[in-house]
PDB file of N, CA and C in Angstrom:
ATOM      1  N   MET A   1     -14.706 -15.994  -5.769  1.00  0.00           N
ATOM      2  CA  MET A   1     -14.605 -15.555  -4.208  1.00  0.00           C
ATOM      3  C   MET A   1     -12.837 -14.576  -3.990  1.00  0.00           C
ATOM      4  N   SER A   2     -13.342 -13.003  -3.683  1.00  0.00           N
ATOM      5  CA  SER A   2     -11.877 -12.979  -3.308  1.00  0.00           C
ATOM      6  C   SER A   2     -11.185 -12.990  -2.115  1.00  0.00           C
ATOM      7  N   LYS A   3     -10.079 -12.336  -2.146  1.00  0.00           N
ATOM      8  CA  LYS A   3      -8.949 -13.375  -0.777  1.00  0.00           C
ATOM      9  C   LYS A   3      -8.983 -12.110   0.621  1.00  0.00           C
ATOM     10  N   ASP A   4      -9.397 -12.096   1.567  1.00  0.00           N
ATOM     11  CA  ASP A   4      -9.474 -11.626   2.586  1.00  0.00           C
ATOM     12  C   ASP A   4      -8.449 -10.335   2.239  1.00  0.00           C
ATOM     13  N   ILE A   5      -8.716  -9.420   2.328  1.00  0.00           N
ATOM     14  CA  ILE A   5      -8.120  -8.459   2.643  1.00  0.00           C
ATOM     15  C   ILE A   5      -7.138  -8.435   3.599  1.00  0.00           C
ATOM     16  N   ASN A   6      -7.293  -8.730   4.800  1.00  0.00           N
ATOM     17  CA  ASN A   6      -6.001  -9.136   5.700  1.00  0.00           C
ATOM     18  C   ASN A   6      -5.643  -9.818   5.399  1.00  0.00           C
ATOM     19  N   ASP A   7      -5.165 -11.489   5.069  1.00  0.00           N
ATOM     20  CA  ASP A   7      -4.687 -11.890   3.851  1.00  0.00           C
ATOM     21  C   ASP A   7      -3.258 -11.140   3.263  1.00  0.00           C
ATOM     22  N   MET A   8      -4.283 -10.165   2.450  1.00  0.00           N
ATOM     23  CA  MET A   8      -3.667  -9.247   1.410  1.00  0.00           C
ATOM     24  C   MET A   8      -2.525  -8.677   1.271  1.00  0.00           C
ATOM     25  N   ALA A   9      -3.061  -7.641   2.796  1.00  0.00           N
ATOM     26  CA  ALA A   9      -2.649  -6.817   3.973  1.00  0.00           C
ATOM     27  C   ALA A   9      -0.689  -7.446   4.388  1.00  0.00           C
ATOM     28  N   ARG A  10      -1.103  -9.267   5.064  1.00  0.00           N
ATOM     29  CA  ARG A  10      -0.093  -9.475   5.083  1.00  0.00           C
ATOM     30  C   ARG A  10       1.273 -10.196   3.684  1.00  0.00           C
ATOM     31  N   ASP A  11       0.739 -10.791   3.260  1.00  0.00           N
ATOM     32  CA  ASP A  11       1.285 -11.386   1.894  1.00  0.00           C
ATOM     33  C   ASP A  11       1.891  -9.835   0.855  1.00  0.00           C
ATOM     34  N   ALA A  12       1.416  -9.202   1.509  1.00  0.00           N
ATOM     35  CA  ALA A  12       1.923  -8.037   0.862  1.00  0.00           C
ATOM     36  C   ALA A  12       3.343  -7.317   1.414  1.00  0.00           C
ATOM     37  N   ILE A  13       3.761  -7.398   2.973  1.00  0.00           N
ATOM     38  CA  ILE A  13       5.076  -7.994   3.950  1.00  0.00           C
ATOM     39  C   ILE A  13       5.747  -8.776   3.390  1.00  0.00           C
ATOM     40  N   LYS A  14       5.596  -9.670   3.073  1.00  0.00           N
ATOM     41  CA  LYS A  14       6.348 -11.117   2.460  1.00  0.00           C
ATOM     42  C   LYS A  14       6.693 -10.433   0.778  1.00  0.00           C
ATOM     43  N   MET A  15       6.058  -9.600   0.114  1.00  0.00           N
ATOM     44  CA  MET A  15       6.104  -9.611  -1.165  1.00  0.00           C
ATOM     45  C   MET A  15       6.622  -8.460  -2.030  1.00  0.00           C
ATOM     46  N   THR A  16       6.756  -7.422  -1.064  1.00  0.00           N
ATOM     47  CA  THR A  16       7.452  -5.980  -1.465  1.00  0.00           C
ATOM     48  C   THR A  16       8.181  -5.751  -1.101  1.00  0.00           C
ATOM     49  N   SER A  17       9.455  -5.874  -1.901  1.00  0.00           N
ATOM     50  CA  SER A  17      10.567  -5.530  -1.613  1.00  0.00           C
ATOM     51  C   SER A  17      11.208  -4.358  -2.322  1.00  0.00           C
ATOM     52  N   ASP A  18       9.912  -3.463  -2.773  1.00  0.00           N
ATOM     53  CA  ASP A  18      10.869  -1.973  -2.732  1.00  0.00           C
ATOM     54  C   ASP A  18      11.366  -1.341  -2.278  1.00  0.00           C
ATOM     55  N   PRO A  19      12.181  -0.495  -2.451  1.00  0.00           N
ATOM     56  CA  PRO A  19      13.028   0.403  -1.239  1.00  0.00           C
ATOM     57  C   PRO A  19      12.686   1.252  -0.582  1.00  0.00           C
ATOM     58  N   GLY A  20      12.408   0.959   0.763  1.00  0.00           N
ATOM     59  CA  GLY A  20      12.176   2.109   1.691  1.00  0.00           C
ATOM     60  C   GLY A  20      11.143   1.182   2.452  1.00  0.00           C
ATOM     61  N   PHE A  21      10.374   0.406   1.136  1.00  0.00           N
ATOM     62  CA  PHE A  21       9.099   0.043   2.842  1.00  0.00           C
ATOM     63  C   PHE A  21       9.633  -0.547   3.707  1.00  0.00           C
ATOM     64  N   GLY A  22       8.683  -0.028   4.345  1.00  0.00           N
ATOM     65  CA  GLY A  22       8.208   0.001   6.161  1.00  0.00           C
ATOM     66  C   GLY A  22       7.016  -1.492   6.559  1.00  0.00           C
ATOM     67  N   ARG A  23       5.839  -1.396   5.555  1.00  0.00           N
ATOM     68  CA  ARG A  23       4.704  -2.027   6.312  1.00  0.00           C
ATOM     69  C   ARG A  23       3.839  -1.707   5.789  1.00  0.00           C
ATOM     70  N   CYS A  24       2.207  -2.850   5.323  1.00  0.00           N
ATOM     71  CA  CYS A  24       1.546  -2.590   5.309  1.00  0.00           C
ATOM     72  C   CYS A  24       0.737  -2.871   5.753  1.00  0.00           C
ATOM     73  N   THR A  25      -0.585  -1.791   6.061  1.00  0.00           N
ATOM     74  CA  THR A  25      -1.891  -2.825   6.877  1.00  0.00           C
ATOM     75  C   THR A  25      -2.710  -1.704   6.111  1.00  0.00           C
ATOM     76  N   VAL A  26      -4.500  -2.274   7.149  1.00  0.00           N
ATOM     77  CA  VAL A  26      -5.585  -2.252   6.387  1.00  0.00           C
ATOM     78  C   VAL A  26      -6.004  -1.328   6.178  1.00  0.00           C
ATOM     79  N   GLU A  27      -5.990  -0.192   5.080  1.00  0.00           N
ATOM     80  CA  GLU A  27      -7.123   1.393   5.380  1.00  0.00           C
ATOM     81  C   GLU A  27      -8.094   0.764   5.813  1.00  0.00           C
ATOM     82  N   SER A  28      -9.697   0.421   4.713  1.00  0.00           N
ATOM     83  CA  SER A  28     -10.462   0.377   5.131  1.00  0.00           C
ATOM     84  C   SER A  28     -10.479  -1.299   4.593  1.00  0.00           C
ATOM     85  N   ALA A  29     -11.450  -1.939   4.955  1.00  0.00           N
ATOM     86  CA  ALA A  29     -11.426  -3.515   5.153  1.00  0.00           C
ATOM     87  C   ALA A  29     -12.746  -3.131   4.218  1.00  0.00           C
ATOM     88  N   GLU A  30     -14.213  -2.527   4.317  1.00  0.00           N
ATOM     89  CA  GLU A  30     -15.117  -2.114   3.967  1.00  0.00           C
ATOM     90  C   GLU A  30     -13.891  -1.993   2.392  1.00  0.00           C
ATOM     91  N   GLY A  31     -13.485  -1.130   1.815  1.00  0.00           N
ATOM     92  CA  GLY A  31     -13.562  -0.435   1.189  1.00  0.00           C
ATOM     93  C   GLY A  31     -12.106  -1.404  -0.223  1.00  0.00           C
ATOM     94  N   ARG A  32     -11.459  -1.842   0.273  1.00  0.00           N
ATOM     95  CA  ARG A  32     -10.738  -3.260   0.682  1.00  0.00           C
ATOM     96  C   ARG A  32      -9.603  -2.389  -0.179  1.00  0.00           C
ATOM     97  N   ILE A  33      -8.876  -1.461   0.779  1.00  0.00           N
ATOM     98  CA  ILE A  33      -7.977   0.072   0.699  1.00  0.00           C
ATOM     99  C   ILE A  33      -7.159  -0.838   0.921  1.00  0.00           C
ATOM    100  N   LEU A  34      -5.592  -1.095   1.190  1.00  0.00           N
ATOM    101  CA  LEU A  34      -3.995  -0.981   2.125  1.00  0.00           C
ATOM    102  C   LEU A  34      -3.861  -0.285   1.801  1.00  0.00           C
ATOM    103  N   ALA A  35      -2.162  -0.115   2.801  1.00  0.00           N
ATOM    104  CA  ALA A  35      -1.904   1.211   3.181  1.00  0.00           C
ATOM    105  C   ALA A  35      -0.665   0.649   3.108  1.00  0.00           C
ATOM    106  N   PHE A  36       0.242   1.070   2.047  1.00  0.00           N
ATOM    107  CA  PHE A  36       1.693   1.280   2.034  1.00  0.00           C
ATOM    108  C   PHE A  36       2.903   2.429   2.351  1.00  0.00           C
ATOM    109  N   GLU A  37       3.813   1.884   3.832  1.00  0.00           N
ATOM    110  CA  GLU A  37       4.273   2.678   4.001  1.00  0.00           C
ATOM    111  C   GLU A  37       5.471   2.736   3.307  1.00  0.00           C
ATOM    112  N   PHE A  38       6.168   3.700   2.767  1.00  0.00           N
ATOM    113  CA  PHE A  38       7.699   3.837   2.913  1.00  0.00           C
ATOM    114  C   PHE A  38       8.459   5.008   3.914  1.00  0.00           C
ATOM    115  N   ASP A  39       9.780   4.721   3.720  1.00  0.00           N
ATOM    116  CA  ASP A  39      10.554   5.979   4.918  1.00  0.00           C
ATOM    117  C   ASP A  39      10.710   7.569   4.237  1.00  0.00           C
ATOM    118  N   THR A  40      10.582   7.261   3.186  1.00  0.00           N
ATOM    119  CA  THR A  40      11.189   8.404   1.591  1.00  0.00           C
ATOM    120  C   THR A  40       9.592   8.707   1.318  1.00  0.00           C
ATOM    121  N   THR A  41       9.296  10.292   0.647  1.00  0.00           N
ATOM    122  CA  THR A  41       8.198  10.503   0.054  1.00  0.00           C
ATOM    123  C   THR A  41       8.571   9.829  -2.186  1.00  0.00           C
ATOM    124  N   ASP A  42      10.214   9.898  -1.863  1.00  0.00           N
ATOM    125  CA  ASP A  42      10.907   9.207  -2.923  1.00  0.00           C
ATOM    126  C   ASP A  42      10.128   8.243  -3.451  1.00  0.00           C
ATOM    127  N   HIS A  43      10.971   7.067  -2.696  1.00  0.00           N
ATOM    128  CA  HIS A  43      10.549   5.766  -2.396  1.00  0.00           C
ATOM    129  C   HIS A  43       8.952   5.014  -2.346  1.00  0.00           C
ATOM    130  N   ALA A  44       7.791   6.194  -1.986  1.00  0.00           N
ATOM    131  CA  ALA A  44       6.461   6.158  -1.812  1.00  0.00           C
ATOM    132  C   ALA A  44       5.960   6.673  -3.456  1.00  0.00           C
ATOM    133  N   ARG A  45       6.533   7.931  -4.205  1.00  0.00           N
ATOM    134  CA  ARG A  45       6.322   8.067  -5.147  1.00  0.00           C
ATOM    135  C   ARG A  45       6.820   7.027  -6.422  1.00  0.00           C
ATOM    136  N   ARG A  46       7.331   6.208  -6.191  1.00  0.00           N
ATOM    137  CA  ARG A  46       7.950   5.482  -7.070  1.00  0.00           C
ATOM    138  C   ARG A  46       7.044   3.969  -6.421  1.00  0.00           C
ATOM    139  N   PHE A  47       6.719   3.988  -5.549  1.00  0.00           N
ATOM    140  CA  PHE A  47       5.555   3.003  -5.523  1.00  0.00           C
ATOM    141  C   PHE A  47       4.653   2.928  -6.270  1.00  0.00           C
ATOM    142  N   CYS A  48       3.954   3.945  -6.020  1.00  0.00           N
ATOM    143  CA  CYS A  48       2.300   4.683  -6.630  1.00  0.00           C
ATOM    144  C   CYS A  48       2.635   4.922  -8.135  1.00  0.00           C
ATOM    145  N   SER A  49       3.746   5.051  -8.519  1.00  0.00           N
ATOM    146  CA  SER A  49       4.439   5.809  -9.883  1.00  0.00           C
ATOM    147  C   SER A  49       3.699   4.675 -10.856  1.00  0.00           C
ATOM    148  N   ARG A  50       3.826   2.866 -10.568  1.00  0.00           N
ATOM    149  CA  ARG A  50       3.678   1.469 -11.036  1.00  0.00           C
ATOM    150  C   ARG A  50       2.041   1.252 -11.664  1.00  0.00           C
ATOM    151  N   SER A  51       1.375   1.870 -10.944  1.00  0.00           N
ATOM    152  CA  SER A  51      -0.024   1.460 -10.700  1.00  0.00           C
ATOM    153  C   SER A  51      -1.443   2.429 -10.807  1.00  0.00           C
ATOM    154  N   SER A  52      -2.124   2.352 -11.663  1.00  0.00           N
ATOM    155  CA  SER A  52      -3.350   3.166 -11.666  1.00  0.00           C
ATOM    156  C   SER A  52      -4.379   3.617 -10.545  1.00  0.00           C
ATOM    157  N   ASN A  53      -3.745   1.702  -9.522  1.00  0.00           N
ATOM    158  CA  ASN A  53      -4.660   1.859  -7.839  1.00  0.00           C
ATOM    159  C   ASN A  53      -4.441   2.252  -7.606  1.00  0.00           C
ATOM    160  N   ARG A  54      -2.404   2.934  -7.446  1.00  0.00           N
ATOM    161  CA  ARG A  54      -2.568   3.383  -6.327  1.00  0.00           C
ATOM    162  C   ARG A  54      -2.679   5.116  -6.316  1.00  0.00           C
ATOM    163  N   ARG A  55      -2.864   5.713  -4.658  1.00  0.00           N
ATOM    164  CA  ARG A  55      -2.487   7.168  -4.866  1.00  0.00           C
ATOM    165  C   ARG A  55      -1.358   7.599  -3.078  1.00  0.00           C
ATOM    166  N   ILE A  56      -1.091   8.493  -3.370  1.00  0.00           N
ATOM    167  CA  ILE A  56      -0.725   8.940  -2.099  1.00  0.00           C
ATOM    168  C   ILE A  56      -1.633   9.889  -1.098  1.00  0.00           C
ATOM    169  N   VAL A  57      -1.090   9.327  -0.042  1.00  0.00           N
ATOM    170  CA  VAL A  57      -2.354  10.280   0.655  1.00  0.00           C
ATOM    171  C   VAL A  57      -2.121  12.162   1.515  1.00  0.00           C
ATOM    172  N   LYS A  58      -2.210  13.022   0.661  1.00  0.00           N
ATOM    173  CA  LYS A  58      -2.452  14.270   1.078  1.00  0.00           C
ATOM    174  C   LYS A  58      -0.908  14.393   1.640  1.00  0.00           C
ATOM    175  N   ASP A  59      -1.891  13.892   3.672  1.00  0.00           N
ATOM    176  CA  ASP A  59      -1.411  14.269   4.623  1.00  0.00           C
ATOM    177  C   ASP A  59      -0.464  13.467   5.669  1.00  0.00           C
ATOM    178  N   ARG A  60      -0.493  12.336   4.716  1.00  0.00           N
ATOM    179  CA  ARG A  60       0.636  10.982   4.919  1.00  0.00           C
ATOM    180  C   ARG A  60       1.768  10.721   3.720  1.00  0.00           C
ATOM    181  N   GLN A  61       2.218  12.024   2.766  1.00  0.00           N
ATOM    182  CA  GLN A  61       3.201  12.080   1.718  1.00  0.00           C
ATOM    183  C   GLN A  61       3.778  10.559   1.696  1.00  0.00           C
ATOM    184  N   THR A  62       4.530   9.576   2.700  1.00  0.00           N
ATOM    185  CA  THR A  62       5.312   8.821   2.603  1.00  0.00           C
ATOM    186  C   THR A  62       4.283   7.127   2.582  1.00  0.00           C
ATOM    187  N   THR A  63       2.783   7.716   2.565  1.00  0.00           N
ATOM    188  CA  THR A  63       2.099   6.724   2.631  1.00  0.00           C
ATOM    189  C   THR A  63       0.813   6.679   1.429  1.00  0.00           C
ATOM    190  N   VAL A  64       0.987   5.160   0.765  1.00  0.00           N
ATOM    191  CA  VAL A  64       0.231   5.038  -0.309  1.00  0.00           C
ATOM    192  C   VAL A  64      -1.044   3.668  -0.357  1.00  0.00           C
ATOM    193  N   LEU A  65      -1.930   4.442  -0.507  1.00  0.00           N
ATOM    194  CA  LEU A  65      -2.531   3.660  -0.760  1.00  0.00           C
ATOM    195  C   LEU A  65      -3.326   3.045  -2.010  1.00  0.00           C
ATOM    196  N   ALA A  66      -3.275   1.820  -2.242  1.00  0.00           N
ATOM    197  CA  ALA A  66      -4.106   1.000  -3.078  1.00  0.00           C
ATOM    198  C   ALA A  66      -5.310   0.249  -2.477  1.00  0.00           C
ATOM    199  N   THR A  67      -6.275   0.717  -4.020  1.00  0.00           N
ATOM    200  CA  THR A  67      -7.720  -0.675  -3.731  1.00  0.00           C
ATOM    201  C   THR A  67      -7.487  -1.930  -3.813  1.00  0.00           C
ATOM    202  N   MET A  68      -7.425  -2.415  -3.298  1.00  0.00           N
ATOM    203  CA  MET A  68      -7.080  -4.138  -4.425  1.00  0.00           C
ATOM    204  C   MET A  68      -8.785  -4.733  -4.523  1.00  0.00           C
ATOM    205  N   PRO A  69      -8.842  -5.648  -5.562  1.00  0.00           N
ATOM    206  CA  PRO A  69     -10.259  -6.037  -6.507  1.00  0.00           C
ATOM    207  C   PRO A  69     -10.381  -6.610  -5.767  1.00  0.00           C
TER     208      PRO A  69
END
């Protein structure tokens, strides 16, 4: 059984130590997508580049969406 997406968001807040990280919220519970918000586009790009399951939102350049297993 997969971990609850809301628990994953709470864990991400505690465990993400990337520069400029602000918060993590559930973008889509059904799609199991978390939204990681950063203070600058550079910080978001660095975070995004480290995993293939992450992408930057076109109209929210400081937000990285991550699909969770």
